[in-house]
Amino acid sequence: MMDRTVLHVVPRSGHWHVEKDEVGVATSDTKEKAVELAREAAGRSKPSQVVVHGEDGQIQDEFTYQDDPFPPRG
């Protein structure tokens, strides 16, 4: 099984960053644009996942592309 690419959308220094392995791959002034950039990148790097964090660092949303290794039970 291939490892999944995991991208995090996080606030840093007044901007929103898309990070992979704690390394920045994109920056935006808005959270919405950062999520859009992360989702586009994840769609090109399947299997992948986007984890969206809020201003407080808590996870607010996730998007999974291709197989989810731990699907929730009904």
C-alpha atoms as a PDB file:
ATOM      1  CA  MET A   1       0.000   0.000   0.000  1.00  0.00           C
ATOM      2  CA  MET A   2       1.250   3.487  -0.867  1.00  0.00           C
ATOM      3  CA  ASP A   3       1.726   6.060   1.859  1.00  0.00           C
ATOM      4  CA  ARG A   4      -0.792   8.865   1.817  1.00  0.00           C
ATOM      5  CA  THR A   5       0.258  12.442   1.249  1.00  0.00           C
ATOM      6  CA  VAL A   6      -1.096  14.515   4.145  1.00  0.00           C
ATOM      7  CA  LEU A   7      -1.427  18.266   3.711  1.00  0.00           C
ATOM      8  CA  HIS A   8      -2.306  20.541   6.623  1.00  0.00           C
ATOM      9  CA  VAL A   9      -3.907  23.983   6.281  1.00  0.00           C
ATOM     10  CA  VAL A  10      -2.717  26.036   9.252  1.00  0.00           C
ATOM     11  CA  PRO A  11      -2.595  29.681  10.351  1.00  0.00           C
ATOM     12  CA  ARG A  12       0.906  31.176  10.633  1.00  0.00           C
ATOM     13  CA  SER A  13       1.923  34.809  11.096  1.00  0.00           C
ATOM     14  CA  GLY A  14      -1.300  36.310   9.770  1.00  0.00           C
ATOM     15  CA  HIS A  15      -1.464  34.049   6.703  1.00  0.00           C
ATOM     16  CA  TRP A  16      -2.745  30.561   5.920  1.00  0.00           C
ATOM     17  CA  HIS A  17      -0.184  27.934   4.988  1.00  0.00           C
ATOM     18  CA  VAL A  18      -0.422  24.571   3.297  1.00  0.00           C
ATOM     19  CA  GLU A  19       2.182  22.270   4.815  1.00  0.00           C
ATOM     20  CA  LYS A  20       3.442  18.781   4.038  1.00  0.00           C
ATOM     21  CA  ASP A  21       5.669  17.147   6.649  1.00  0.00           C
ATOM     22  CA  GLU A  22       5.792  20.514   8.464  1.00  0.00           C
ATOM     23  CA  VAL A  23       7.305  22.170   5.371  1.00  0.00           C
ATOM     24  CA  GLY A  24       5.359  24.962   3.685  1.00  0.00           C
ATOM     25  CA  VAL A  25       4.223  24.261   0.146  1.00  0.00           C
ATOM     26  CA  ALA A  26       1.820  27.209  -0.379  1.00  0.00           C
ATOM     27  CA  THR A  27       0.681  30.405   1.352  1.00  0.00           C
ATOM     28  CA  SER A  28      -2.484  32.463   1.064  1.00  0.00           C
ATOM     29  CA  ASP A  29      -4.032  35.505   2.702  1.00  0.00           C
ATOM     30  CA  THR A  30      -7.332  33.614   3.133  1.00  0.00           C
ATOM     31  CA  LYS A  31      -8.190  30.267   4.634  1.00  0.00           C
ATOM     32  CA  GLU A  32     -10.583  29.496   1.770  1.00  0.00           C
ATOM     33  CA  LYS A  33      -7.853  29.936  -0.862  1.00  0.00           C
ATOM     34  CA  ALA A  34      -5.396  27.843   1.171  1.00  0.00           C
ATOM     35  CA  VAL A  35      -7.964  25.025   1.411  1.00  0.00           C
ATOM     36  CA  GLU A  36      -8.541  25.281  -2.348  1.00  0.00           C
ATOM     37  CA  LEU A  37      -4.787  25.052  -3.029  1.00  0.00           C
ATOM     38  CA  ALA A  38      -4.419  22.099  -0.665  1.00  0.00           C
ATOM     39  CA  ARG A  39      -7.361  20.238  -2.220  1.00  0.00           C
ATOM     40  CA  GLU A  40      -5.977  20.780  -5.727  1.00  0.00           C
ATOM     41  CA  ALA A  41      -2.563  19.448  -4.658  1.00  0.00           C
ATOM     42  CA  ALA A  42      -4.143  16.485  -2.859  1.00  0.00           C
ATOM     43  CA  GLY A  43      -6.165  15.615  -5.951  1.00  0.00           C
ATOM     44  CA  ARG A  44      -2.902  15.316  -7.898  1.00  0.00           C
ATOM     45  CA  SER A  45      -1.164  13.204  -5.205  1.00  0.00           C
ATOM     46  CA  LYS A  46      -3.565  10.343  -4.512  1.00  0.00           C
ATOM     47  CA  PRO A  47      -3.843   8.687  -2.060  1.00  0.00           C
ATOM     48  CA  SER A  48      -3.926  11.861   0.001  1.00  0.00           C
ATOM     49  CA  GLN A  49      -5.649  13.804   2.733  1.00  0.00           C
ATOM     50  CA  VAL A  50      -6.186  17.473   3.569  1.00  0.00           C
ATOM     51  CA  VAL A  51      -6.493  18.377   7.263  1.00  0.00           C
ATOM     52  CA  VAL A  52      -7.900  21.868   7.887  1.00  0.00           C
ATOM     53  CA  HIS A  53      -7.082  23.543  11.202  1.00  0.00           C
ATOM     54  CA  GLY A  54      -8.786  26.571  12.754  1.00  0.00           C
ATOM     55  CA  GLU A  55      -7.189  29.671  14.260  1.00  0.00           C
ATOM     56  CA  ASP A  56      -6.897  27.747  17.541  1.00  0.00           C
ATOM     57  CA  GLY A  57      -5.025  24.858  15.890  1.00  0.00           C
ATOM     58  CA  GLN A  58      -7.891  22.400  16.327  1.00  0.00           C
ATOM     59  CA  ILE A  59      -8.879  20.220  13.372  1.00  0.00           C
ATOM     60  CA  GLN A  60     -12.032  21.561  11.746  1.00  0.00           C
ATOM     61  CA  ASP A  61     -12.353  19.464   8.591  1.00  0.00           C
ATOM     62  CA  GLU A  62     -10.741  16.682   6.563  1.00  0.00           C
ATOM     63  CA  PHE A  63     -10.857  15.668   2.920  1.00  0.00           C
ATOM     64  CA  THR A  64      -9.636  12.237   1.821  1.00  0.00           C
ATOM     65  CA  TYR A  65      -8.771  11.375  -1.780  1.00  0.00           C
ATOM     66  CA  GLN A  66      -8.820   7.740  -2.867  1.00  0.00           C
ATOM     67  CA  ASP A  67      -8.907   4.941  -0.300  1.00  0.00           C
ATOM     68  CA  ASP A  68      -9.437   5.808   3.352  1.00  0.00           C
ATOM     69  CA  PRO A  69      -7.569   3.154   5.364  1.00  0.00           C
ATOM     70  CA  PHE A  70      -9.836   3.609   8.382  1.00  0.00           C
ATOM     71  CA  PRO A  71     -13.386   4.168   7.127  1.00  0.00           C
ATOM     72  CA  PRO A  72     -15.934   4.818   9.853  1.00  0.00           C
ATOM     73  CA  ARG A  73     -18.424   2.102  10.621  1.00  0.00           C
ATOM     74  CA  GLY A  74     -22.098   2.749   9.801  1.00  0.00           C
END
